[in-house]
């Protein structure tokens, strides 16, 4: 597992880091992580610079579309994570359509710089995505990994590998294709640290003033 990795939500001030990580190809083929948010026609028309601008508009408009990972050299990884409704292409997919009406969040895409591939960074990004979704109030996090029967090129496993999700506690809830399970992780609310227990304050007892004895009454 890589050490010294830091994770931050993508905010306007970190857009240059995303652009550095994705490079001129927008991670892969001009995608700029817009694939799941667009119709096929929109995606084809937007490949490259239009998709880059679309991503920038979303972030500058207040959307937090995912998590950036940093090592000592700079941005090194990316994980998309938002409410499932942000990815309309999922709803239209025969293999990845929702299994119920739960307000799930989705983690549909990863990108790791070449220098960090094979180091376990995807698993760390998945953990960071789950923590981010939990803070956002998500009851469940969905993933759509590939379950390959043979070694597969990195370009075809951008949704992650099923074994990585299993190790992170995800469970398979549907499989409509031999190699494309739909997996879920139930998210519990973040626990608050218990308040430090201190000794109950000792109540000081006020000293009672000595009773005055009444003078003896004279006898009759």
C-alpha atoms as a PDB file:
ATOM      1  CA  UNK A   1       0.000   0.000   0.000  1.00  0.00           C
ATOM      2  CA  UNK A   2       1.340   3.465  -0.827  1.00  0.00           C
ATOM      3  CA  UNK A   3       2.267   5.628   2.123  1.00  0.00           C
ATOM      4  CA  UNK A   4       2.061   9.357   2.549  1.00  0.00           C
ATOM      5  CA  UNK A   5      -0.997   9.644   0.273  1.00  0.00           C
ATOM      6  CA  UNK A   6      -3.369  12.551   0.854  1.00  0.00           C
ATOM      7  CA  UNK A   7      -6.946  12.763  -0.382  1.00  0.00           C
ATOM      8  CA  UNK A   8      -8.966  15.878  -1.153  1.00  0.00           C
ATOM      9  CA  UNK A   9     -12.373  16.497  -2.750  1.00  0.00           C
ATOM     10  CA  UNK A  10     -12.152  18.231  -6.119  1.00  0.00           C
ATOM     11  CA  UNK A  11     -12.904  21.925  -5.596  1.00  0.00           C
ATOM     12  CA  UNK A  12     -12.307  24.892  -7.950  1.00  0.00           C
ATOM     13  CA  UNK A  13      -8.875  25.530  -6.504  1.00  0.00           C
ATOM     14  CA  UNK A  14      -7.794  21.974  -7.339  1.00  0.00           C
ATOM     15  CA  UNK A  15      -8.912  21.979 -10.986  1.00  0.00           C
ATOM     16  CA  UNK A  16      -5.328  22.616 -12.206  1.00  0.00           C
ATOM     17  CA  UNK A  17      -4.287  19.452 -10.341  1.00  0.00           C
ATOM     18  CA  UNK A  18      -6.962  17.410 -12.097  1.00  0.00           C
ATOM     19  CA  UNK A  19      -5.853  18.782 -15.458  1.00  0.00           C
ATOM     20  CA  UNK A  20      -2.236  17.922 -14.634  1.00  0.00           C
ATOM     21  CA  UNK A  21      -3.223  14.372 -13.682  1.00  0.00           C
ATOM     22  CA  UNK A  22      -5.457  13.778 -16.714  1.00  0.00           C
ATOM     23  CA  UNK A  23      -3.074  15.399 -19.166  1.00  0.00           C
ATOM     24  CA  UNK A  24      -3.969  16.559 -22.673  1.00  0.00           C
ATOM     25  CA  UNK A  25      -5.985  13.395 -23.374  1.00  0.00           C
ATOM     26  CA  UNK A  26      -8.372  14.055 -20.497  1.00  0.00           C
ATOM     27  CA  UNK A  27      -7.386  10.774 -18.798  1.00  0.00           C
ATOM     28  CA  UNK A  28      -8.509   8.651 -21.755  1.00  0.00           C
ATOM     29  CA  UNK A  29      -9.749   9.672 -25.198  1.00  0.00           C
ATOM     30  CA  UNK A  30     -10.880  13.135 -24.158  1.00  0.00           C
ATOM     31  CA  UNK A  31     -13.275  11.773 -21.537  1.00  0.00           C
ATOM     32  CA  UNK A  32     -12.591  14.151 -18.649  1.00  0.00           C
ATOM     33  CA  UNK A  33     -14.751  11.808 -16.542  1.00  0.00           C
ATOM     34  CA  UNK A  34     -17.922  12.872 -18.351  1.00  0.00           C
ATOM     35  CA  UNK A  35     -18.812   9.486 -19.860  1.00  0.00           C
ATOM     36  CA  UNK A  36     -21.394   8.495 -17.237  1.00  0.00           C
ATOM     37  CA  UNK A  37     -22.986  11.950 -17.203  1.00  0.00           C
ATOM     38  CA  UNK A  38     -23.781  12.225 -20.911  1.00  0.00           C
ATOM     39  CA  UNK A  39     -25.765  10.484 -23.598  1.00  0.00           C
ATOM     40  CA  UNK A  40     -23.668   8.657 -26.213  1.00  0.00           C
ATOM     41  CA  UNK A  41     -24.258  11.483 -28.696  1.00  0.00           C
ATOM     42  CA  UNK A  42     -23.269  14.153 -26.170  1.00  0.00           C
ATOM     43  CA  UNK A  43     -20.162  12.243 -25.230  1.00  0.00           C
ATOM     44  CA  UNK A  44     -18.986  11.780 -28.798  1.00  0.00           C
ATOM     45  CA  UNK A  45     -19.569  15.455 -29.565  1.00  0.00           C
ATOM     46  CA  UNK A  46     -17.829  16.579 -26.391  1.00  0.00           C
ATOM     47  CA  UNK A  47     -14.650  14.509 -26.467  1.00  0.00           C
ATOM     48  CA  UNK A  48     -11.631  16.622 -25.677  1.00  0.00           C
ATOM     49  CA  UNK A  49     -11.856  20.333 -24.941  1.00  0.00           C
ATOM     50  CA  UNK A  50     -15.693  20.529 -24.662  1.00  0.00           C
ATOM     51  CA  UNK A  51     -15.663  17.850 -21.984  1.00  0.00           C
ATOM     52  CA  UNK A  52     -12.849  19.625 -20.145  1.00  0.00           C
ATOM     53  CA  UNK A  53     -14.918  22.802 -20.089  1.00  0.00           C
ATOM     54  CA  UNK A  54     -17.993  20.854 -18.983  1.00  0.00           C
ATOM     55  CA  UNK A  55     -16.090  19.414 -16.030  1.00  0.00           C
ATOM     56  CA  UNK A  56     -14.748  22.839 -15.119  1.00  0.00           C
ATOM     57  CA  UNK A  57     -18.239  24.385 -15.251  1.00  0.00           C
ATOM     58  CA  UNK A  58     -19.595  21.746 -12.901  1.00  0.00           C
ATOM     59  CA  UNK A  59     -16.863  22.204 -10.336  1.00  0.00           C
ATOM     60  CA  UNK A  60     -16.990  25.985 -10.491  1.00  0.00           C
ATOM     61  CA  UNK A  61     -20.756  25.721 -10.046  1.00  0.00           C
ATOM     62  CA  UNK A  62     -20.341  23.933  -6.731  1.00  0.00           C
ATOM     63  CA  UNK A  63     -20.443  20.269  -7.754  1.00  0.00           C
ATOM     64  CA  UNK A  64     -17.861  18.022  -6.073  1.00  0.00           C
ATOM     65  CA  UNK A  65     -17.510  15.198  -8.614  1.00  0.00           C
ATOM     66  CA  UNK A  66     -14.815  13.147  -6.932  1.00  0.00           C
ATOM     67  CA  UNK A  67     -11.633  12.706  -4.926  1.00  0.00           C
ATOM     68  CA  UNK A  68      -8.041  13.518  -5.861  1.00  0.00           C
ATOM     69  CA  UNK A  69      -5.101  11.610  -4.403  1.00  0.00           C
ATOM     70  CA  UNK A  70      -1.689  13.214  -3.925  1.00  0.00           C
ATOM     71  CA  UNK A  71       1.750  11.772  -3.284  1.00  0.00           C
ATOM     72  CA  UNK A  72       5.006  13.630  -2.706  1.00  0.00           C
ATOM     73  CA  UNK A  73       5.228  14.491  -6.412  1.00  0.00           C
ATOM     74  CA  UNK A  74       1.722  15.884  -6.809  1.00  0.00           C
ATOM     75  CA  UNK A  75      -1.669  14.596  -8.010  1.00  0.00           C
ATOM     76  CA  UNK A  76      -1.476  10.849  -8.564  1.00  0.00           C
ATOM     77  CA  UNK A  77      -5.013   9.455  -8.601  1.00  0.00           C
ATOM     78  CA  UNK A  78      -8.689  10.200  -9.129  1.00  0.00           C
ATOM     79  CA  UNK A  79     -11.966   8.591  -8.141  1.00  0.00           C
ATOM     80  CA  UNK A  80     -15.390   9.813  -9.287  1.00  0.00           C
ATOM     81  CA  UNK A  81     -18.058   9.642  -6.578  1.00  0.00           C
ATOM     82  CA  UNK A  82     -21.460  11.349  -6.476  1.00  0.00           C
ATOM     83  CA  UNK A  83     -25.119  10.460  -5.946  1.00  0.00           C
ATOM     84  CA  UNK A  84     -26.167   7.889  -8.532  1.00  0.00           C
ATOM     85  CA  UNK A  85     -28.612  10.379 -10.053  1.00  0.00           C
ATOM     86  CA  UNK A  86     -25.620  12.385 -11.291  1.00  0.00           C
ATOM     87  CA  UNK A  87     -24.849   9.565 -13.755  1.00  0.00           C
ATOM     88  CA  UNK A  88     -27.874   9.188 -16.059  1.00  0.00           C
ATOM     89  CA  UNK A  89     -26.070   6.685 -18.276  1.00  0.00           C
ATOM     90  CA  UNK A  90     -26.252   4.156 -15.430  1.00  0.00           C
ATOM     91  CA  UNK A  91     -30.045   4.291 -15.461  1.00  0.00           C
ATOM     92  CA  UNK A  92     -30.067   3.522 -19.187  1.00  0.00           C
ATOM     93  CA  UNK A  93     -27.622   0.617 -18.905  1.00  0.00           C
ATOM     94  CA  UNK A  94     -29.000  -2.919 -19.231  1.00  0.00           C
ATOM     95  CA  UNK A  95     -26.268  -4.338 -17.003  1.00  0.00           C
ATOM     96  CA  UNK A  96     -25.834  -1.523 -14.467  1.00  0.00           C
ATOM     97  CA  UNK A  97     -29.355  -0.147 -14.013  1.00  0.00           C
ATOM     98  CA  UNK A  98     -30.475   0.460 -10.405  1.00  0.00           C
ATOM     99  CA  UNK A  99     -31.690  -2.569  -8.473  1.00  0.00           C
ATOM    100  CA  UNK A 100     -34.011  -0.483  -6.267  1.00  0.00           C
ATOM    101  CA  UNK A 101     -34.945   3.084  -5.349  1.00  0.00           C
ATOM    102  CA  UNK A 102     -32.408   3.493  -2.534  1.00  0.00           C
ATOM    103  CA  UNK A 103     -30.664   6.902  -2.701  1.00  0.00           C
ATOM    104  CA  UNK A 104     -27.320   5.276  -3.422  1.00  0.00           C
ATOM    105  CA  UNK A 105     -24.101   7.042  -4.320  1.00  0.00           C
ATOM    106  CA  UNK A 106     -21.930   5.640  -7.083  1.00  0.00           C
ATOM    107  CA  UNK A 107     -18.214   5.243  -7.667  1.00  0.00           C
ATOM    108  CA  UNK A 108     -18.026   4.611 -11.435  1.00  0.00           C
ATOM    109  CA  UNK A 109     -14.490   5.581 -12.426  1.00  0.00           C
ATOM    110  CA  UNK A 110     -10.837   5.543 -11.328  1.00  0.00           C
ATOM    111  CA  UNK A 111      -7.707   6.975 -12.859  1.00  0.00           C
ATOM    112  CA  UNK A 112      -4.215   6.366 -11.470  1.00  0.00           C
ATOM    113  CA  UNK A 113      -1.003   7.896 -12.789  1.00  0.00           C
ATOM    114  CA  UNK A 114       1.377   5.405 -14.356  1.00  0.00           C
ATOM    115  CA  UNK A 115       3.944   5.843 -11.565  1.00  0.00           C
ATOM    116  CA  UNK A 116       1.464   4.553  -8.966  1.00  0.00           C
ATOM    117  CA  UNK A 117      -0.228   1.709 -10.818  1.00  0.00           C
ATOM    118  CA  UNK A 118       0.035  -1.643  -9.120  1.00  0.00           C
ATOM    119  CA  UNK A 119       0.618  -0.082  -5.691  1.00  0.00           C
ATOM    120  CA  UNK A 120      -2.852  -0.501  -4.229  1.00  0.00           C
ATOM    121  CA  UNK A 121      -3.839   3.110  -4.740  1.00  0.00           C
ATOM    122  CA  UNK A 122      -7.214   2.165  -6.216  1.00  0.00           C
ATOM    123  CA  UNK A 123      -8.149   0.494  -2.925  1.00  0.00           C
ATOM    124  CA  UNK A 124      -7.149   3.627  -1.018  1.00  0.00           C
ATOM    125  CA  UNK A 125      -9.200   5.787  -3.371  1.00  0.00           C
ATOM    126  CA  UNK A 126     -12.183   3.509  -2.826  1.00  0.00           C
ATOM    127  CA  UNK A 127     -11.839   3.946   0.938  1.00  0.00           C
ATOM    128  CA  UNK A 128     -11.641   7.725   0.518  1.00  0.00           C
ATOM    129  CA  UNK A 129     -14.727   7.674  -1.722  1.00  0.00           C
ATOM    130  CA  UNK A 130     -16.686   5.704   0.880  1.00  0.00           C
ATOM    131  CA  UNK A 131     -15.705   8.167   3.607  1.00  0.00           C
ATOM    132  CA  UNK A 132     -16.721  11.093   1.391  1.00  0.00           C
ATOM    133  CA  UNK A 133     -20.089   9.508   0.557  1.00  0.00           C
ATOM    134  CA  UNK A 134     -20.710   8.756   4.227  1.00  0.00           C
ATOM    135  CA  UNK A 135     -20.063  12.382   5.146  1.00  0.00           C
ATOM    136  CA  UNK A 136     -22.541  13.350   2.418  1.00  0.00           C
ATOM    137  CA  UNK A 137     -25.251  11.245   4.043  1.00  0.00           C
ATOM    138  CA  UNK A 138     -25.225   8.328   1.591  1.00  0.00           C
ATOM    139  CA  UNK A 139     -26.801   5.155   3.018  1.00  0.00           C
ATOM    140  CA  UNK A 140     -25.109   2.934   0.461  1.00  0.00           C
ATOM    141  CA  UNK A 141     -22.269   3.160  -2.073  1.00  0.00           C
ATOM    142  CA  UNK A 142     -22.420   1.316  -5.402  1.00  0.00           C
ATOM    143  CA  UNK A 143     -19.603   0.176  -7.632  1.00  0.00           C
ATOM    144  CA  UNK A 144     -19.572  -1.302 -11.120  1.00  0.00           C
ATOM    145  CA  UNK A 145     -16.241  -3.120 -11.376  1.00  0.00           C
ATOM    146  CA  UNK A 146     -15.020  -5.567 -13.956  1.00  0.00           C
ATOM    147  CA  UNK A 147     -14.604  -9.214 -12.943  1.00  0.00           C
ATOM    148  CA  UNK A 148     -12.215 -10.355 -15.669  1.00  0.00           C
ATOM    149  CA  UNK A 149     -11.458 -13.982 -16.353  1.00  0.00           C
ATOM    150  CA  UNK A 150      -7.997 -13.103 -17.658  1.00  0.00           C
ATOM    151  CA  UNK A 151      -5.556 -10.236 -17.312  1.00  0.00           C
ATOM    152  CA  UNK A 152      -7.080  -7.106 -18.828  1.00  0.00           C
ATOM    153  CA  UNK A 153      -5.459  -3.874 -20.006  1.00  0.00           C
ATOM    154  CA  UNK A 154      -5.756  -0.883 -17.672  1.00  0.00           C
ATOM    155  CA  UNK A 155      -7.836   1.043 -20.215  1.00  0.00           C
ATOM    156  CA  UNK A 156     -10.656  -1.508 -19.833  1.00  0.00           C
ATOM    157  CA  UNK A 157     -10.785  -1.615 -16.023  1.00  0.00           C
ATOM    158  CA  UNK A 158     -11.394   2.062 -15.315  1.00  0.00           C
ATOM    159  CA  UNK A 159     -14.401   1.113 -13.168  1.00  0.00           C
ATOM    160  CA  UNK A 160     -12.167  -0.953 -10.900  1.00  0.00           C
ATOM    161  CA  UNK A 161     -11.646  -4.667 -10.300  1.00  0.00           C
ATOM    162  CA  UNK A 162     -14.233  -6.736  -8.434  1.00  0.00           C
ATOM    163  CA  UNK A 163     -11.644  -8.248  -6.082  1.00  0.00           C
ATOM    164  CA  UNK A 164     -10.661  -4.750  -4.895  1.00  0.00           C
ATOM    165  CA  UNK A 165     -14.270  -3.998  -4.056  1.00  0.00           C
ATOM    166  CA  UNK A 166     -14.708  -7.294  -2.212  1.00  0.00           C
ATOM    167  CA  UNK A 167     -11.693  -6.604  -0.036  1.00  0.00           C
ATOM    168  CA  UNK A 168     -13.213  -3.212   0.799  1.00  0.00           C
ATOM    169  CA  UNK A 169     -16.384  -4.889   2.082  1.00  0.00           C
ATOM    170  CA  UNK A 170     -18.611  -4.498  -0.984  1.00  0.00           C
ATOM    171  CA  UNK A 171     -21.114  -7.257  -1.704  1.00  0.00           C
ATOM    172  CA  UNK A 172     -22.462  -8.318  -5.072  1.00  0.00           C
ATOM    173  CA  UNK A 173     -26.169  -7.508  -5.412  1.00  0.00           C
ATOM    174  CA  UNK A 174     -26.710  -8.149  -9.131  1.00  0.00           C
ATOM    175  CA  UNK A 175     -24.883  -9.627 -12.128  1.00  0.00           C
ATOM    176  CA  UNK A 176     -26.571  -9.130 -15.451  1.00  0.00           C
ATOM    177  CA  UNK A 177     -23.382  -9.807 -17.378  1.00  0.00           C
ATOM    178  CA  UNK A 178     -20.772 -12.502 -16.811  1.00  0.00           C
ATOM    179  CA  UNK A 179     -18.013 -10.013 -16.042  1.00  0.00           C
ATOM    180  CA  UNK A 180     -19.913  -6.959 -14.718  1.00  0.00           C
ATOM    181  CA  UNK A 181     -21.244  -7.306 -11.183  1.00  0.00           C
ATOM    182  CA  UNK A 182     -23.092  -4.508  -9.426  1.00  0.00           C
ATOM    183  CA  UNK A 183     -21.653  -4.233  -5.900  1.00  0.00           C
ATOM    184  CA  UNK A 184     -22.733  -2.338  -2.805  1.00  0.00           C
ATOM    185  CA  UNK A 185     -21.323  -1.205   0.514  1.00  0.00           C
ATOM    186  CA  UNK A 186     -23.690  -0.235   3.326  1.00  0.00           C
ATOM    187  CA  UNK A 187     -22.485   2.972   4.933  1.00  0.00           C
ATOM    188  CA  UNK A 188     -23.010   3.605   8.589  1.00  0.00           C
ATOM    189  CA  UNK A 189     -23.025   7.168   9.892  1.00  0.00           C
ATOM    190  CA  UNK A 190     -19.624   8.324  11.029  1.00  0.00           C
ATOM    191  CA  UNK A 191     -19.181   7.741  14.713  1.00  0.00           C
ATOM    192  CA  UNK A 192     -18.565  10.699  16.896  1.00  0.00           C
ATOM    193  CA  UNK A 193     -15.706  10.455  19.339  1.00  0.00           C
ATOM    194  CA  UNK A 194     -17.054   9.939  22.837  1.00  0.00           C
ATOM    195  CA  UNK A 195     -16.746  12.918  25.106  1.00  0.00           C
ATOM    196  CA  UNK A 196     -13.913  12.695  27.603  1.00  0.00           C
ATOM    197  CA  UNK A 197     -15.141  11.451  30.870  1.00  0.00           C
ATOM    198  CA  UNK A 198     -14.281  13.720  33.736  1.00  0.00           C
ATOM    199  CA  UNK A 199     -14.956  13.340  37.377  1.00  0.00           C
ATOM    200  CA  UNK A 200     -18.227  14.718  38.476  1.00  0.00           C
ATOM    201  CA  UNK A 201     -17.660  17.943  40.349  1.00  0.00           C
ATOM    202  CA  UNK A 202     -17.672  17.458  44.064  1.00  0.00           C
ATOM    203  CA  UNK A 203     -20.260  19.580  45.673  1.00  0.00           C
ATOM    204  CA  UNK A 204     -18.895  21.405  48.608  1.00  0.00           C
ATOM    205  CA  UNK A 205     -21.027  21.098  51.644  1.00  0.00           C
ATOM    206  CA  UNK A 206     -21.644  24.339  53.393  1.00  0.00           C
ATOM    207  CA  UNK A 207     -20.814  24.125  57.029  1.00  0.00           C
ATOM    208  CA  UNK A 208     -23.862  24.521  59.111  1.00  0.00           C
ATOM    209  CA  UNK A 209     -23.628  27.242  61.683  1.00  0.00           C
ATOM    210  CA  UNK A 210     -23.651  25.944  65.261  1.00  0.00           C
ATOM    211  CA  UNK A 211     -27.015  25.940  66.796  1.00  0.00           C
ATOM    212  CA  UNK A 212     -27.501  28.415  69.511  1.00  0.00           C
ATOM    213  CA  UNK A 213     -28.813  26.959  72.677  1.00  0.00           C
ATOM    214  CA  UNK A 214     -31.734  28.810  74.075  1.00  0.00           C
ATOM    215  CA  UNK A 215     -31.128  30.039  77.616  1.00  0.00           C
ATOM    216  CA  UNK A 216     -32.710  27.937  80.298  1.00  0.00           C
ATOM    217  CA  UNK A 217     -36.151  29.067  81.173  1.00  0.00           C
ATOM    218  CA  UNK A 218     -36.496  30.055  84.789  1.00  0.00           C
ATOM    219  CA  UNK A 219     -38.462  27.617  86.819  1.00  0.00           C
ATOM    220  CA  UNK A 220     -41.802  28.626  88.297  1.00  0.00           C
END
